[in-house]
Amino acid sequence: MSNNLRREALSVFKQLHRTRLKTFRGDEQGLQFTRQKINDEFRKNRDVANEASIQELIKFAKEVENEVRTTVIQVVEKAPGKFEAKITPDTAMLDNVPFGQPVDKSQFRKARKCSDIPKGK
């Protein structure tokens, strides 16, 4: 592996850990799980030698980092039935349908009922 690829892989590895620390701050279980998962995935691909494969893995790691940074939020129960969402400036805010307005269901795919699925599958 070239020095540039090694440097880029190390950079994205560190960025994933920084994002993990920021996203799961105060959640020891979340911090430990994501730490283990990041380290396992990088260890699993340690012996990849093909530069195109390494580039693809680096691209995937960057996409994962972006996804975690922009879509994962923490929700903490402050009192029975009352929750607080910890939303960061990086969190992607998507449009939502206001409560009580009709929804155009044609945009959703038709789902099968559990009873329609043959047993044993």
N, C-alpha and C. Protein backbone atom coordinates (compact mmCIF):
# COMPACT_ATOMS: atom_id res chain seq x y z
N MET A 1 0.85 -1.17 0.00
CA MET A 1 0.00 0.00 0.00
C MET A 1 0.90 1.23 0.00
N SER A 2 0.53 2.20 -0.83
CA SER A 2 1.33 3.42 -0.89
C SER A 2 1.15 4.25 0.39
N ASN A 3 2.11 5.14 0.61
CA ASN A 3 2.05 5.98 1.82
C ASN A 3 0.81 6.87 1.84
N ASN A 4 0.40 7.36 0.64
CA ASN A 4 -0.78 8.22 0.59
C ASN A 4 -2.04 7.45 1.00
N LEU A 5 -2.17 6.21 0.51
CA LEU A 5 -3.33 5.40 0.89
C LEU A 5 -3.29 5.06 2.37
N ARG A 6 -2.12 4.75 2.87
CA ARG A 6 -1.97 4.43 4.30
C ARG A 6 -2.38 5.65 5.15
N ARG A 7 -1.93 6.81 4.73
CA ARG A 7 -2.25 8.05 5.44
C ARG A 7 -3.75 8.33 5.39
N GLU A 8 -4.34 8.12 4.22
CA GLU A 8 -5.77 8.36 4.06
C GLU A 8 -6.59 7.36 4.89
N ALA A 9 -6.17 6.10 4.92
CA ALA A 9 -6.86 5.08 5.72
C ALA A 9 -6.78 5.43 7.21
N LEU A 10 -5.61 5.84 7.66
CA LEU A 10 -5.44 6.23 9.06
C LEU A 10 -6.28 7.46 9.39
N SER A 11 -6.35 8.39 8.46
CA SER A 11 -7.14 9.60 8.66
C SER A 11 -8.63 9.27 8.82
N VAL A 12 -9.16 8.42 7.96
CA VAL A 12 -10.58 8.08 8.04
C VAL A 12 -10.85 7.23 9.28
N PHE A 13 -9.89 6.40 9.68
CA PHE A 13 -10.00 5.62 10.92
C PHE A 13 -10.14 6.56 12.12
N LYS A 14 -9.29 7.57 12.18
CA LYS A 14 -9.34 8.54 13.28
C LYS A 14 -10.63 9.35 13.23
N GLN A 15 -11.06 9.72 12.02
CA GLN A 15 -12.29 10.50 11.89
C GLN A 15 -13.50 9.69 12.35
N LEU A 16 -13.53 8.40 12.03
CA LEU A 16 -14.62 7.55 12.51
C LEU A 16 -14.65 7.52 14.04
N HIS A 17 -13.48 7.43 14.66
CA HIS A 17 -13.44 7.40 16.12
C HIS A 17 -13.85 8.75 16.72
N ARG A 18 -13.47 9.85 16.08
CA ARG A 18 -13.89 11.17 16.57
C ARG A 18 -15.41 11.32 16.48
N THR A 19 -15.96 10.87 15.37
CA THR A 19 -17.40 10.93 15.18
C THR A 19 -18.11 10.04 16.20
N ARG A 20 -17.55 8.88 16.46
CA ARG A 20 -18.10 7.96 17.47
C ARG A 20 -18.14 8.64 18.83
N LEU A 21 -17.04 9.29 19.20
CA LEU A 21 -16.96 9.94 20.51
C LEU A 21 -17.98 11.07 20.64
N LYS A 22 -18.18 11.81 19.56
CA LYS A 22 -19.12 12.93 19.58
C LYS A 22 -20.57 12.43 19.57
N THR A 23 -20.85 11.46 18.72
CA THR A 23 -22.21 10.98 18.55
C THR A 23 -22.73 10.24 19.78
N PHE A 24 -21.87 9.42 20.38
CA PHE A 24 -22.31 8.57 21.49
C PHE A 24 -21.82 9.08 22.85
N ARG A 25 -21.52 10.36 22.95
CA ARG A 25 -21.05 10.95 24.22
C ARG A 25 -22.05 10.64 25.33
N GLY A 26 -21.54 10.07 26.43
CA GLY A 26 -22.39 9.76 27.57
C GLY A 26 -23.04 8.40 27.50
N ASP A 27 -22.88 7.68 26.40
CA ASP A 27 -23.49 6.35 26.23
C ASP A 27 -22.37 5.32 26.18
N GLU A 28 -22.00 4.79 27.33
CA GLU A 28 -20.86 3.89 27.41
C GLU A 28 -21.03 2.64 26.54
N GLN A 29 -22.22 2.09 26.53
CA GLN A 29 -22.47 0.90 25.72
C GLN A 29 -22.32 1.22 24.22
N GLY A 30 -22.87 2.33 23.79
CA GLY A 30 -22.74 2.75 22.39
C GLY A 30 -21.31 3.03 22.01
N LEU A 31 -20.56 3.68 22.91
CA LEU A 31 -19.15 3.97 22.66
C LEU A 31 -18.34 2.69 22.51
N GLN A 32 -18.55 1.74 23.41
CA GLN A 32 -17.79 0.49 23.37
C GLN A 32 -18.12 -0.32 22.12
N PHE A 33 -19.42 -0.42 21.79
CA PHE A 33 -19.83 -1.20 20.63
C PHE A 33 -19.25 -0.63 19.34
N THR A 34 -19.38 0.69 19.16
CA THR A 34 -18.87 1.29 17.92
C THR A 34 -17.35 1.24 17.85
N ARG A 35 -16.68 1.38 18.99
CA ARG A 35 -15.22 1.26 19.01
C ARG A 35 -14.80 -0.12 18.53
N GLN A 36 -15.45 -1.14 19.08
CA GLN A 36 -15.12 -2.52 18.71
C GLN A 36 -15.42 -2.76 17.23
N LYS A 37 -16.55 -2.27 16.75
CA LYS A 37 -16.94 -2.49 15.35
C LYS A 37 -15.97 -1.81 14.38
N ILE A 38 -15.59 -0.57 14.67
CA ILE A 38 -14.64 0.15 13.81
C ILE A 38 -13.32 -0.60 13.77
N ASN A 39 -12.81 -0.95 14.95
CA ASN A 39 -11.52 -1.65 15.02
C ASN A 39 -11.58 -3.00 14.32
N ASP A 40 -12.66 -3.76 14.51
CA ASP A 40 -12.80 -5.07 13.87
C ASP A 40 -12.81 -4.94 12.35
N GLU A 41 -13.56 -3.97 11.83
CA GLU A 41 -13.65 -3.81 10.37
C GLU A 41 -12.30 -3.41 9.77
N PHE A 42 -11.58 -2.53 10.43
CA PHE A 42 -10.27 -2.15 9.91
C PHE A 42 -9.29 -3.31 10.02
N ARG A 43 -9.36 -4.06 11.12
CA ARG A 43 -8.48 -5.22 11.29
C ARG A 43 -8.77 -6.29 10.24
N LYS A 44 -10.06 -6.49 9.95
CA LYS A 44 -10.48 -7.50 8.98
C LYS A 44 -9.91 -7.20 7.59
N ASN A 45 -9.77 -5.92 7.26
CA ASN A 45 -9.29 -5.53 5.93
C ASN A 45 -7.84 -5.09 5.93
N ARG A 46 -7.12 -5.41 6.98
CA ARG A 46 -5.72 -5.00 7.12
C ARG A 46 -4.83 -5.53 6.00
N ASP A 47 -5.09 -6.75 5.53
CA ASP A 47 -4.22 -7.40 4.56
C ASP A 47 -4.62 -7.15 3.10
N VAL A 48 -5.58 -6.29 2.84
CA VAL A 48 -5.97 -5.98 1.47
C VAL A 48 -4.82 -5.23 0.80
N ALA A 49 -4.40 -5.72 -0.37
CA ALA A 49 -3.24 -5.13 -1.04
C ALA A 49 -3.61 -4.38 -2.32
N ASN A 50 -4.73 -4.72 -2.92
CA ASN A 50 -5.15 -4.09 -4.17
C ASN A 50 -5.55 -2.63 -3.91
N GLU A 51 -4.87 -1.70 -4.60
CA GLU A 51 -5.10 -0.28 -4.35
C GLU A 51 -6.53 0.15 -4.67
N ALA A 52 -7.13 -0.43 -5.71
CA ALA A 52 -8.51 -0.09 -6.05
C ALA A 52 -9.45 -0.54 -4.93
N SER A 53 -9.20 -1.71 -4.37
CA SER A 53 -10.02 -2.20 -3.26
C SER A 53 -9.86 -1.33 -2.03
N ILE A 54 -8.63 -0.89 -1.79
CA ILE A 54 -8.37 -0.03 -0.63
C ILE A 54 -9.10 1.30 -0.81
N GLN A 55 -9.05 1.86 -2.02
CA GLN A 55 -9.77 3.11 -2.30
C GLN A 55 -11.27 2.94 -2.05
N GLU A 56 -11.81 1.80 -2.49
CA GLU A 56 -13.23 1.53 -2.30
C GLU A 56 -13.57 1.41 -0.81
N LEU A 57 -12.71 0.75 -0.04
CA LEU A 57 -12.92 0.62 1.40
C LEU A 57 -12.84 1.98 2.10
N ILE A 58 -11.92 2.81 1.68
CA ILE A 58 -11.79 4.16 2.26
C ILE A 58 -13.04 4.98 1.94
N LYS A 59 -13.52 4.88 0.70
CA LYS A 59 -14.74 5.59 0.30
C LYS A 59 -15.92 5.12 1.15
N PHE A 60 -16.02 3.81 1.36
CA PHE A 60 -17.11 3.26 2.17
C PHE A 60 -17.01 3.76 3.61
N ALA A 61 -15.80 3.79 4.17
CA ALA A 61 -15.61 4.27 5.55
C ALA A 61 -16.02 5.73 5.67
N LYS A 62 -15.71 6.54 4.66
CA LYS A 62 -16.12 7.95 4.68
C LYS A 62 -17.64 8.08 4.63
N GLU A 63 -18.28 7.23 3.83
CA GLU A 63 -19.74 7.26 3.75
C GLU A 63 -20.38 6.84 5.08
N VAL A 64 -19.78 5.84 5.73
CA VAL A 64 -20.28 5.41 7.04
C VAL A 64 -20.14 6.54 8.06
N GLU A 65 -18.99 7.20 8.06
CA GLU A 65 -18.76 8.31 8.99
C GLU A 65 -19.80 9.40 8.77
N ASN A 66 -20.07 9.73 7.52
CA ASN A 66 -21.07 10.76 7.20
C ASN A 66 -22.46 10.32 7.67
N GLU A 67 -22.79 9.07 7.44
CA GLU A 67 -24.10 8.55 7.84
C GLU A 67 -24.28 8.61 9.36
N VAL A 68 -23.27 8.19 10.09
CA VAL A 68 -23.36 8.22 11.56
C VAL A 68 -23.46 9.67 12.05
N ARG A 69 -22.65 10.53 11.49
CA ARG A 69 -22.62 11.93 11.91
C ARG A 69 -23.94 12.65 11.63
N THR A 70 -24.60 12.32 10.52
CA THR A 70 -25.78 13.08 10.11
C THR A 70 -27.11 12.43 10.45
N THR A 71 -27.14 11.13 10.76
CA THR A 71 -28.44 10.49 10.97
C THR A 71 -28.64 9.86 12.34
N VAL A 72 -27.59 9.64 13.10
CA VAL A 72 -27.73 9.00 14.41
C VAL A 72 -27.90 10.08 15.47
N ILE A 73 -28.95 9.94 16.28
CA ILE A 73 -29.16 10.85 17.40
C ILE A 73 -29.33 10.02 18.67
N GLN A 74 -29.10 10.66 19.80
CA GLN A 74 -29.33 10.01 21.09
C GLN A 74 -30.66 10.51 21.64
N VAL A 75 -31.40 9.59 22.22
CA VAL A 75 -32.65 9.96 22.89
C VAL A 75 -32.55 9.43 24.31
N VAL A 76 -32.77 10.33 25.27
CA VAL A 76 -32.64 9.98 26.68
C VAL A 76 -33.99 10.22 27.37
N GLU A 77 -34.41 9.24 28.18
CA GLU A 77 -35.65 9.41 28.93
C GLU A 77 -35.36 10.26 30.16
N LYS A 78 -35.95 11.45 30.21
CA LYS A 78 -35.72 12.38 31.32
C LYS A 78 -36.69 12.13 32.47
N ALA A 79 -37.89 11.73 32.14
CA ALA A 79 -38.92 11.39 33.13
C ALA A 79 -39.79 10.32 32.47
N PRO A 80 -40.57 9.60 33.24
CA PRO A 80 -41.42 8.57 32.62
C PRO A 80 -42.28 9.16 31.50
N GLY A 81 -42.05 8.69 30.29
CA GLY A 81 -42.81 9.15 29.14
C GLY A 81 -42.31 10.44 28.51
N LYS A 82 -41.24 11.04 29.07
CA LYS A 82 -40.68 12.28 28.51
C LYS A 82 -39.25 12.01 28.06
N PHE A 83 -39.00 12.30 26.80
CA PHE A 83 -37.70 12.01 26.21
C PHE A 83 -37.06 13.28 25.69
N GLU A 84 -35.73 13.29 25.69
CA GLU A 84 -34.97 14.41 25.14
C GLU A 84 -34.08 13.86 24.04
N ALA A 85 -34.19 14.46 22.85
CA ALA A 85 -33.35 14.06 21.72
C ALA A 85 -32.15 14.99 21.65
N LYS A 86 -30.97 14.41 21.58
CA LYS A 86 -29.75 15.20 21.47
C LYS A 86 -29.42 15.32 19.98
N ILE A 87 -29.81 16.45 19.41
CA ILE A 87 -29.62 16.70 17.98
C ILE A 87 -28.46 17.66 17.83
N THR A 88 -27.52 17.31 16.96
CA THR A 88 -26.34 18.14 16.74
C THR A 88 -26.55 19.02 15.50
N PRO A 89 -25.71 20.03 15.31
CA PRO A 89 -25.81 20.84 14.09
C PRO A 89 -25.58 20.02 12.81
N ASP A 90 -24.89 18.88 12.93
CA ASP A 90 -24.63 18.03 11.76
C ASP A 90 -25.82 17.14 11.41
N THR A 91 -26.78 17.01 12.30
CA THR A 91 -27.91 16.11 12.08
C THR A 91 -28.73 16.59 10.89
N ALA A 92 -28.99 15.69 9.96
CA ALA A 92 -29.79 16.02 8.78
C ALA A 92 -31.24 16.20 9.21
N MET A 93 -31.79 17.35 8.90
CA MET A 93 -33.18 17.64 9.23
C MET A 93 -34.00 17.46 7.96
N LEU A 94 -34.82 16.43 7.93
CA LEU A 94 -35.62 16.13 6.76
C LEU A 94 -37.03 16.68 6.94
N ASP A 95 -37.71 16.89 5.83
CA ASP A 95 -39.09 17.34 5.89
C ASP A 95 -39.95 16.25 6.52
N ASN A 96 -40.93 16.68 7.27
CA ASN A 96 -41.82 15.75 7.94
C ASN A 96 -43.25 16.15 7.63
N VAL A 97 -44.14 15.20 7.63
CA VAL A 97 -45.54 15.48 7.39
C VAL A 97 -46.16 15.94 8.70
N PRO A 98 -46.75 17.13 8.72
CA PRO A 98 -47.39 17.59 9.96
C PRO A 98 -48.47 16.62 10.42
N PHE A 99 -48.57 16.47 11.71
CA PHE A 99 -49.52 15.54 12.30
C PHE A 99 -50.94 15.91 11.92
N GLY A 100 -51.72 14.93 11.48
CA GLY A 100 -53.12 15.16 11.17
C GLY A 100 -53.39 15.47 9.71
N GLN A 101 -52.35 15.68 8.88
CA GLN A 101 -52.56 15.94 7.46
C GLN A 101 -52.62 14.62 6.71
N PRO A 102 -53.42 14.57 5.64
CA PRO A 102 -53.48 13.33 4.85
C PRO A 102 -52.13 13.05 4.17
N VAL A 103 -51.81 11.78 4.07
CA VAL A 103 -50.55 11.35 3.47
C VAL A 103 -50.84 10.64 2.16
N ASP A 104 -50.08 10.95 1.12
CA ASP A 104 -50.21 10.27 -0.17
C ASP A 104 -49.51 8.92 -0.06
N LYS A 105 -50.30 7.86 0.11
CA LYS A 105 -49.74 6.53 0.33
C LYS A 105 -49.22 5.89 -0.95
N SER A 106 -49.44 6.50 -2.09
CA SER A 106 -48.96 5.93 -3.34
C SER A 106 -47.44 5.93 -3.42
N GLN A 107 -46.79 6.77 -2.61
CA GLN A 107 -45.33 6.84 -2.65
C GLN A 107 -44.67 5.70 -1.85
N PHE A 108 -45.47 4.97 -1.07
CA PHE A 108 -44.93 3.86 -0.29
C PHE A 108 -45.12 2.56 -1.05
N ARG A 109 -44.18 1.65 -0.87
CA ARG A 109 -44.31 0.36 -1.56
C ARG A 109 -45.35 -0.48 -0.84
N LYS A 110 -45.99 -1.35 -1.60
CA LYS A 110 -47.02 -2.22 -1.04
C LYS A 110 -46.35 -3.31 -0.24
N ALA A 111 -46.66 -3.40 1.02
CA ALA A 111 -46.07 -4.42 1.89
C ALA A 111 -47.04 -5.59 2.04
N ARG A 112 -46.46 -6.76 2.19
CA ARG A 112 -47.29 -7.94 2.43
C ARG A 112 -47.54 -8.08 3.92
N LYS A 113 -48.67 -8.66 4.23
CA LYS A 113 -48.97 -8.95 5.63
C LYS A 113 -48.16 -10.18 6.04
N CYS A 114 -47.85 -10.27 7.30
CA CYS A 114 -47.12 -11.44 7.81
C CYS A 114 -47.90 -12.72 7.52
N SER A 115 -49.23 -12.65 7.57
CA SER A 115 -50.05 -13.84 7.33
C SER A 115 -49.98 -14.28 5.87
N ASP A 116 -49.55 -13.41 4.95
CA ASP A 116 -49.44 -13.76 3.53
C ASP A 116 -48.15 -14.50 3.21
N ILE A 117 -47.20 -14.49 4.12
CA ILE A 117 -45.91 -15.13 3.88
C ILE A 117 -46.03 -16.61 4.21
N PRO A 118 -45.64 -17.50 3.28
CA PRO A 118 -45.73 -18.94 3.55
C PRO A 118 -44.89 -19.31 4.78
N LYS A 119 -45.40 -20.25 5.55
CA LYS A 119 -44.69 -20.69 6.76
C LYS A 119 -43.41 -21.41 6.38
N GLY A 120 -42.40 -21.26 7.22
CA GLY A 120 -41.11 -21.91 6.98
C GLY A 120 -40.13 -21.05 6.21
N LYS A 121 -40.49 -19.82 5.91
CA LYS A 121 -39.58 -18.94 5.17
C LYS A 121 -39.15 -17.80 6.01
